[in-house]
Amino acid sequence: MLIPLVLAIVLHEAAHGWMANRLGDDTAKRLGRVTLNPIPHIDPMGTLLIPGMLLLAGSPFIIGFAKPVPVAFHRLNNPKRDMIWVALAGPGSNVILGLLAAFLLHIFAGGDSRVAAWITQNLQFALIFNCILAVFNMLPIPPLDGGRILTGLLPKPYDYQFAQLERYGLFILLGVIFLVPFLAQALGFAFNPIASILLPLTNGLAGLLLQLSGFMF
């Protein structure tokens, strides 16, 4: 699971930096973040701790994130518009990588050798992980990409007011991911808001990519 997970996370962050560089801000490039080397992107909380805790807890989904790529939005050619494109680059890269994994599954699935089985399993994880990252990051919660996109779409002064939520974004996410399900379980019923949103959307996106790659194949 480690190879497709790290690749999905690293490509997601590198895509943000690449798009920002194309649109006028070379901050991420100068700091060495437009790279597929995973080390500069590793975030102890998002890349290691949260996925590990979800895995040990038997969660129905595994999510993670890398160290956010630094973007000086005021240096973009058109800050309000280009913020949207920089944010979309991350989930967009995951959709493209997921589509590639789905296409390769048509080639390797059903192979008899242990190597083909290992490749197939990695491709299945790659498809699922990339779909989860794409869907999760499009949630409209700053500092997720969906929150940045919504900030770029909102008219002034609502964009600034909404952007102020970013300082609380991580705490909101941790509360929704861990605290709400824990409290619900303590009260005697099962309720996982992130899983109820992510699972159907992830399965739908994965099915769509498999269908599209089938036409391509």
C-alpha atoms as a PDB file:
ATOM      1  CA  MET A   1       0.000   0.000   0.000  1.00  0.00           C
ATOM      2  CA  LEU A   2       2.927   2.331   0.698  1.00  0.00           C
ATOM      3  CA  ILE A   3       4.137   2.815  -2.887  1.00  0.00           C
ATOM      4  CA  PRO A   4       0.815   3.946  -4.434  1.00  0.00           C
ATOM      5  CA  LEU A   5      -0.084   6.019  -1.342  1.00  0.00           C
ATOM      6  CA  VAL A   6       3.190   7.969  -1.301  1.00  0.00           C
ATOM      7  CA  LEU A   7       3.128   8.435  -5.080  1.00  0.00           C
ATOM      8  CA  ALA A   8      -0.428   9.796  -4.977  1.00  0.00           C
ATOM      9  CA  ILE A   9       0.365  12.253  -2.170  1.00  0.00           C
ATOM     10  CA  VAL A  10       3.686  13.416  -3.635  1.00  0.00           C
ATOM     11  CA  LEU A  11       2.302  13.943  -7.144  1.00  0.00           C
ATOM     12  CA  HIS A  12      -0.616  15.887  -5.678  1.00  0.00           C
ATOM     13  CA  GLU A  13       1.669  18.388  -3.933  1.00  0.00           C
ATOM     14  CA  ALA A  14       4.171  18.628  -6.788  1.00  0.00           C
ATOM     15  CA  ALA A  15       1.281  19.456  -9.139  1.00  0.00           C
ATOM     16  CA  HIS A  16       0.321  22.436  -6.956  1.00  0.00           C
ATOM     17  CA  GLY A  17       3.877  23.775  -7.162  1.00  0.00           C
ATOM     18  CA  TRP A  18       4.135  23.141 -10.897  1.00  0.00           C
ATOM     19  CA  MET A  19       0.884  24.993 -11.611  1.00  0.00           C
ATOM     20  CA  ALA A  20       1.846  27.912  -9.347  1.00  0.00           C
ATOM     21  CA  ASN A  21       5.166  28.202 -11.180  1.00  0.00           C
ATOM     22  CA  ARG A  22       3.370  28.242 -14.535  1.00  0.00           C
ATOM     23  CA  LEU A  23       1.073  31.015 -13.279  1.00  0.00           C
ATOM     24  CA  GLY A  24       3.773  33.333 -11.970  1.00  0.00           C
ATOM     25  CA  ASP A  25       4.854  32.178  -8.506  1.00  0.00           C
ATOM     26  CA  ASP A  26       8.108  30.212  -8.340  1.00  0.00           C
ATOM     27  CA  THR A  27       8.169  29.924  -4.514  1.00  0.00           C
ATOM     28  CA  ALA A  28       7.598  26.155  -4.489  1.00  0.00           C
ATOM     29  CA  LYS A  29      10.145  25.603  -7.257  1.00  0.00           C
ATOM     30  CA  ARG A  30      12.812  27.631  -5.443  1.00  0.00           C
ATOM     31  CA  LEU A  31      12.176  25.611  -2.254  1.00  0.00           C
ATOM     32  CA  GLY A  32      12.550  22.288  -4.086  1.00  0.00           C
ATOM     33  CA  ARG A  33       8.894  21.279  -3.814  1.00  0.00           C
ATOM     34  CA  VAL A  34       8.261  20.698  -7.526  1.00  0.00           C
ATOM     35  CA  THR A  35       9.775  17.219  -7.290  1.00  0.00           C
ATOM     36  CA  LEU A  36       8.705  13.576  -7.097  1.00  0.00           C
ATOM     37  CA  ASN A  37      11.214  13.002  -4.302  1.00  0.00           C
ATOM     38  CA  PRO A  38       8.883  12.212  -1.356  1.00  0.00           C
ATOM     39  CA  ILE A  39      11.190  13.475   1.421  1.00  0.00           C
ATOM     40  CA  PRO A  40      10.539  17.256   0.976  1.00  0.00           C
ATOM     41  CA  HIS A  41       6.775  16.587   0.938  1.00  0.00           C
ATOM     42  CA  ILE A  42       6.472  14.403   4.061  1.00  0.00           C
ATOM     43  CA  ASP A  43       4.311  15.861   6.840  1.00  0.00           C
ATOM     44  CA  PRO A  44       4.576  13.925  10.143  1.00  0.00           C
ATOM     45  CA  MET A  45       0.895  14.437  10.926  1.00  0.00           C
ATOM     46  CA  GLY A  46      -0.718  14.052   7.510  1.00  0.00           C
ATOM     47  CA  THR A  47       1.632  11.598   5.805  1.00  0.00           C
ATOM     48  CA  LEU A  48       2.402   9.290   8.740  1.00  0.00           C
ATOM     49  CA  LEU A  49       0.275   9.765  11.869  1.00  0.00           C
ATOM     50  CA  ILE A  50      -3.256  10.180  10.479  1.00  0.00           C
ATOM     51  CA  PRO A  51      -3.040   7.356   7.869  1.00  0.00           C
ATOM     52  CA  GLY A  52      -1.406   5.102  10.486  1.00  0.00           C
ATOM     53  CA  MET A  53      -4.109   5.797  13.084  1.00  0.00           C
ATOM     54  CA  LEU A  54      -6.871   5.189  10.551  1.00  0.00           C
ATOM     55  CA  LEU A  55      -5.224   1.930   9.468  1.00  0.00           C
ATOM     56  CA  LEU A  56      -4.812   0.672  13.051  1.00  0.00           C
ATOM     57  CA  ALA A  57      -8.384   1.699  13.877  1.00  0.00           C
ATOM     58  CA  GLY A  58      -9.734  -0.401  11.006  1.00  0.00           C
ATOM     59  CA  SER A  59     -11.210   2.633   9.283  1.00  0.00           C
ATOM     60  CA  PRO A  60     -13.192   1.940   6.072  1.00  0.00           C
ATOM     61  CA  PHE A  61     -11.031   4.550   4.338  1.00  0.00           C
ATOM     62  CA  ILE A  62      -7.437   5.784   4.530  1.00  0.00           C
ATOM     63  CA  ILE A  63      -6.649   9.445   3.921  1.00  0.00           C
ATOM     64  CA  GLY A  64      -3.471  11.438   4.212  1.00  0.00           C
ATOM     65  CA  PHE A  65      -1.811  14.591   3.031  1.00  0.00           C
ATOM     66  CA  ALA A  66       1.673  15.954   2.562  1.00  0.00           C
ATOM     67  CA  LYS A  67       3.286  19.153   3.759  1.00  0.00           C
ATOM     68  CA  PRO A  68       1.374  21.968   2.010  1.00  0.00           C
ATOM     69  CA  VAL A  69       3.222  23.490  -0.925  1.00  0.00           C
ATOM     70  CA  PRO A  70       3.998  27.176  -0.228  1.00  0.00           C
ATOM     71  CA  VAL A  71       2.251  29.477  -2.689  1.00  0.00           C
ATOM     72  CA  ALA A  72       2.537  33.271  -2.595  1.00  0.00           C
ATOM     73  CA  PHE A  73      -0.881  33.965  -4.070  1.00  0.00           C
ATOM     74  CA  HIS A  74      -0.175  37.683  -4.481  1.00  0.00           C
ATOM     75  CA  ARG A  75       2.596  36.769  -6.957  1.00  0.00           C
ATOM     76  CA  LEU A  76       0.247  34.866  -9.269  1.00  0.00           C
ATOM     77  CA  ASN A  77      -0.657  36.579 -12.547  1.00  0.00           C
ATOM     78  CA  ASN A  78      -4.292  36.859 -11.478  1.00  0.00           C
ATOM     79  CA  PRO A  79      -4.396  35.887  -7.773  1.00  0.00           C
ATOM     80  CA  LYS A  80      -8.126  35.304  -7.354  1.00  0.00           C
ATOM     81  CA  ARG A  81      -8.536  33.319 -10.580  1.00  0.00           C
ATOM     82  CA  ASP A  82      -5.197  31.506 -10.494  1.00  0.00           C
ATOM     83  CA  MET A  83      -5.757  30.383  -6.901  1.00  0.00           C
ATOM     84  CA  ILE A  84      -8.496  28.146  -8.306  1.00  0.00           C
ATOM     85  CA  TRP A  85      -6.215  26.594 -10.935  1.00  0.00           C
ATOM     86  CA  VAL A  86      -3.424  25.989  -8.404  1.00  0.00           C
ATOM     87  CA  ALA A  87      -5.907  24.280  -6.070  1.00  0.00           C
ATOM     88  CA  LEU A  88      -7.418  22.179  -8.881  1.00  0.00           C
ATOM     89  CA  ALA A  89      -3.975  20.945  -9.989  1.00  0.00           C
ATOM     90  CA  GLY A  90      -3.650  18.615  -6.973  1.00  0.00           C
ATOM     91  CA  PRO A  91      -6.951  16.704  -7.291  1.00  0.00           C
ATOM     92  CA  GLY A  92      -6.566  16.869 -11.087  1.00  0.00           C
ATOM     93  CA  SER A  93      -3.227  15.053 -10.875  1.00  0.00           C
ATOM     94  CA  ASN A  94      -4.863  12.361  -8.742  1.00  0.00           C
ATOM     95  CA  VAL A  95      -7.648  11.870 -11.281  1.00  0.00           C
ATOM     96  CA  ILE A  96      -5.068  11.531 -14.073  1.00  0.00           C
ATOM     97  CA  LEU A  97      -2.970   9.074 -12.035  1.00  0.00           C
ATOM     98  CA  GLY A  98      -6.114   7.137 -11.128  1.00  0.00           C
ATOM     99  CA  LEU A  99      -7.101   6.948 -14.791  1.00  0.00           C
ATOM    100  CA  LEU A 100      -3.615   5.652 -15.660  1.00  0.00           C
ATOM    101  CA  ALA A 101      -3.876   3.006 -12.921  1.00  0.00           C
ATOM    102  CA  ALA A 102      -7.300   1.952 -14.212  1.00  0.00           C
ATOM    103  CA  PHE A 103      -5.943   1.669 -17.759  1.00  0.00           C
ATOM    104  CA  LEU A 104      -2.985  -0.473 -16.627  1.00  0.00           C
ATOM    105  CA  LEU A 105      -5.362  -2.708 -14.648  1.00  0.00           C
ATOM    106  CA  HIS A 106      -6.891  -3.828 -17.931  1.00  0.00           C
ATOM    107  CA  ILE A 107      -3.435  -4.986 -19.012  1.00  0.00           C
ATOM    108  CA  PHE A 108      -2.205  -6.724 -15.838  1.00  0.00           C
ATOM    109  CA  ALA A 109      -5.441  -7.986 -14.236  1.00  0.00           C
ATOM    110  CA  GLY A 110      -5.798 -11.751 -14.429  1.00  0.00           C
ATOM    111  CA  GLY A 111      -2.087 -12.462 -14.829  1.00  0.00           C
ATOM    112  CA  ASP A 112      -0.907 -15.828 -13.513  1.00  0.00           C
ATOM    113  CA  SER A 113       2.516 -14.839 -12.180  1.00  0.00           C
ATOM    114  CA  ARG A 114       3.200 -13.512  -8.697  1.00  0.00           C
ATOM    115  CA  VAL A 115       4.689 -10.375 -10.265  1.00  0.00           C
ATOM    116  CA  ALA A 116       1.483  -9.690 -12.212  1.00  0.00           C
ATOM    117  CA  ALA A 117      -0.571 -10.230  -9.049  1.00  0.00           C
ATOM    118  CA  TRP A 118       1.668  -7.814  -7.100  1.00  0.00           C
ATOM    119  CA  ILE A 119       1.413  -5.182  -9.848  1.00  0.00           C
ATOM    120  CA  THR A 120      -2.359  -5.634 -10.025  1.00  0.00           C
ATOM    121  CA  GLN A 121      -2.715  -5.130  -6.278  1.00  0.00           C
ATOM    122  CA  ASN A 122      -0.594  -1.966  -6.376  1.00  0.00           C
ATOM    123  CA  LEU A 123      -2.664  -0.626  -9.283  1.00  0.00           C
ATOM    124  CA  GLN A 124      -5.891  -1.315  -7.385  1.00  0.00           C
ATOM    125  CA  PHE A 125      -4.564   0.599  -4.382  1.00  0.00           C
ATOM    126  CA  ALA A 126      -3.363   3.384  -6.700  1.00  0.00           C
ATOM    127  CA  LEU A 127      -6.835   3.720  -8.195  1.00  0.00           C
ATOM    128  CA  ILE A 128      -8.551   3.848  -4.802  1.00  0.00           C
ATOM    129  CA  PHE A 129      -6.006   6.115  -3.090  1.00  0.00           C
ATOM    130  CA  ASN A 130      -6.026   8.642  -5.921  1.00  0.00           C
ATOM    131  CA  CYS A 131      -9.817   8.714  -5.992  1.00  0.00           C
ATOM    132  CA  ILE A 132      -9.936   9.206  -2.200  1.00  0.00           C
ATOM    133  CA  LEU A 133      -7.380  12.033  -2.354  1.00  0.00           C
ATOM    134  CA  ALA A 134      -9.204  13.736  -5.214  1.00  0.00           C
ATOM    135  CA  VAL A 135     -12.579  13.568  -3.437  1.00  0.00           C
ATOM    136  CA  PHE A 136     -11.257  14.350   0.059  1.00  0.00           C
ATOM    137  CA  ASN A 137      -9.286  17.388  -1.070  1.00  0.00           C
ATOM    138  CA  MET A 138     -12.316  18.805  -2.875  1.00  0.00           C
ATOM    139  CA  LEU A 139     -14.240  19.108   0.402  1.00  0.00           C
ATOM    140  CA  PRO A 140     -14.976  22.854   0.848  1.00  0.00           C
ATOM    141  CA  ILE A 141     -12.953  23.192   4.063  1.00  0.00           C
ATOM    142  CA  PRO A 142      -9.856  25.404   4.160  1.00  0.00           C
ATOM    143  CA  PRO A 143      -6.996  24.544   3.826  1.00  0.00           C
ATOM    144  CA  LEU A 144      -8.171  21.706   1.583  1.00  0.00           C
ATOM    145  CA  ASP A 145      -8.207  22.416  -2.144  1.00  0.00           C
ATOM    146  CA  GLY A 146     -11.987  22.614  -2.175  1.00  0.00           C
ATOM    147  CA  GLY A 147     -11.789  25.393   0.411  1.00  0.00           C
ATOM    148  CA  ARG A 148      -9.247  27.286  -1.712  1.00  0.00           C
ATOM    149  CA  ILE A 149     -11.441  26.894  -4.786  1.00  0.00           C
ATOM    150  CA  LEU A 150     -14.478  28.180  -2.904  1.00  0.00           C
ATOM    151  CA  THR A 151     -12.420  31.126  -1.639  1.00  0.00           C
ATOM    152  CA  GLY A 152     -11.510  31.987  -5.230  1.00  0.00           C
ATOM    153  CA  LEU A 153     -15.131  31.754  -6.346  1.00  0.00           C
ATOM    154  CA  LEU A 154     -16.681  33.794  -3.534  1.00  0.00           C
ATOM    155  CA  PRO A 155     -17.134  37.541  -4.108  1.00  0.00           C
ATOM    156  CA  LYS A 156     -15.463  40.078  -1.862  1.00  0.00           C
ATOM    157  CA  PRO A 157     -15.597  40.444   1.144  1.00  0.00           C
ATOM    158  CA  TYR A 158     -16.939  36.903   1.675  1.00  0.00           C
ATOM    159  CA  ASP A 159     -13.796  35.347   0.186  1.00  0.00           C
ATOM    160  CA  TYR A 160     -11.601  36.949   2.856  1.00  0.00           C
ATOM    161  CA  GLN A 161     -14.000  36.027   5.659  1.00  0.00           C
ATOM    162  CA  PHE A 162     -14.163  32.410   4.512  1.00  0.00           C
ATOM    163  CA  ALA A 163     -10.366  32.222   4.126  1.00  0.00           C
ATOM    164  CA  GLN A 164     -10.014  33.071   7.832  1.00  0.00           C
ATOM    165  CA  LEU A 165     -11.335  29.582   8.625  1.00  0.00           C
ATOM    166  CA  GLU A 166      -8.026  28.163   7.367  1.00  0.00           C
ATOM    167  CA  ARG A 167      -6.354  28.690  10.746  1.00  0.00           C
ATOM    168  CA  TYR A 168      -8.922  26.303  12.259  1.00  0.00           C
ATOM    169  CA  GLY A 169      -9.090  23.939   9.288  1.00  0.00           C
ATOM    170  CA  LEU A 170      -6.876  21.180  10.681  1.00  0.00           C
ATOM    171  CA  PHE A 171      -8.790  21.113  13.970  1.00  0.00           C
ATOM    172  CA  ILE A 172     -12.098  20.957  12.089  1.00  0.00           C
ATOM    173  CA  LEU A 173     -10.830  18.031  10.010  1.00  0.00           C
ATOM    174  CA  LEU A 174      -9.480  16.134  13.026  1.00  0.00           C
ATOM    175  CA  GLY A 175     -12.772  16.670  14.822  1.00  0.00           C
ATOM    176  CA  VAL A 176     -14.849  15.411  11.902  1.00  0.00           C
ATOM    177  CA  ILE A 177     -12.521  12.452  11.209  1.00  0.00           C
ATOM    178  CA  PHE A 178     -11.938  11.251  14.776  1.00  0.00           C
ATOM    179  CA  LEU A 179     -13.995  13.087  17.407  1.00  0.00           C
ATOM    180  CA  VAL A 180     -17.470  12.913  15.830  1.00  0.00           C
ATOM    181  CA  PRO A 181     -17.335   9.122  15.147  1.00  0.00           C
ATOM    182  CA  PHE A 182     -15.933   8.545  18.675  1.00  0.00           C
ATOM    183  CA  LEU A 183     -18.706  10.565  20.329  1.00  0.00           C
ATOM    184  CA  ALA A 184     -21.342   8.869  18.178  1.00  0.00           C
ATOM    185  CA  GLN A 185     -20.023   5.448  19.165  1.00  0.00           C
ATOM    186  CA  ALA A 186     -20.000   6.462  22.843  1.00  0.00           C
ATOM    187  CA  LEU A 187     -23.674   7.424  22.485  1.00  0.00           C
ATOM    188  CA  GLY A 188     -24.477   4.026  21.035  1.00  0.00           C
ATOM    189  CA  PHE A 189     -24.821   4.608  17.299  1.00  0.00           C
ATOM    190  CA  ALA A 190     -22.539   4.582  14.275  1.00  0.00           C
ATOM    191  CA  PHE A 191     -22.005   7.877  12.485  1.00  0.00           C
ATOM    192  CA  ASN A 192     -18.960   8.744  10.398  1.00  0.00           C
ATOM    193  CA  PRO A 193     -19.612  11.886   8.340  1.00  0.00           C
ATOM    194  CA  ILE A 194     -16.378  11.712   6.320  1.00  0.00           C
ATOM    195  CA  ALA A 195     -16.891   8.037   5.447  1.00  0.00           C
ATOM    196  CA  SER A 196     -20.519   8.639   4.472  1.00  0.00           C
ATOM    197  CA  ILE A 197     -19.357  11.342   2.038  1.00  0.00           C
ATOM    198  CA  LEU A 198     -16.101   9.833   0.801  1.00  0.00           C
ATOM    199  CA  LEU A 199     -17.103   6.226   0.226  1.00  0.00           C
ATOM    200  CA  PRO A 200     -19.929   6.726  -2.306  1.00  0.00           C
ATOM    201  CA  LEU A 201     -18.102   9.528  -4.133  1.00  0.00           C
ATOM    202  CA  THR A 202     -14.838   7.560  -4.206  1.00  0.00           C
ATOM    203  CA  ASN A 203     -16.551   4.422  -5.485  1.00  0.00           C
ATOM    204  CA  GLY A 204     -18.385   6.458  -8.091  1.00  0.00           C
ATOM    205  CA  LEU A 205     -15.195   8.136  -9.313  1.00  0.00           C
ATOM    206  CA  ALA A 206     -13.283   4.828  -9.378  1.00  0.00           C
ATOM    207  CA  GLY A 207     -16.090   3.212 -11.374  1.00  0.00           C
ATOM    208  CA  LEU A 208     -16.118   6.117 -13.820  1.00  0.00           C
ATOM    209  CA  LEU A 209     -12.338   5.920 -14.344  1.00  0.00           C
ATOM    210  CA  LEU A 210     -12.523   2.158 -14.887  1.00  0.00           C
ATOM    211  CA  GLN A 211     -15.289   2.707 -17.432  1.00  0.00           C
ATOM    212  CA  LEU A 212     -13.359   5.449 -19.249  1.00  0.00           C
ATOM    213  CA  SER A 213     -10.151   3.401 -19.273  1.00  0.00           C
ATOM    214  CA  GLY A 214     -12.105   0.443 -20.664  1.00  0.00           C
ATOM    215  CA  PHE A 215     -13.101   2.531 -23.661  1.00  0.00           C
ATOM    216  CA  MET A 216      -9.475   3.649 -24.043  1.00  0.00           C
ATOM    217  CA  PHE A 217      -8.228   0.072 -23.830  1.00  0.00           C
END
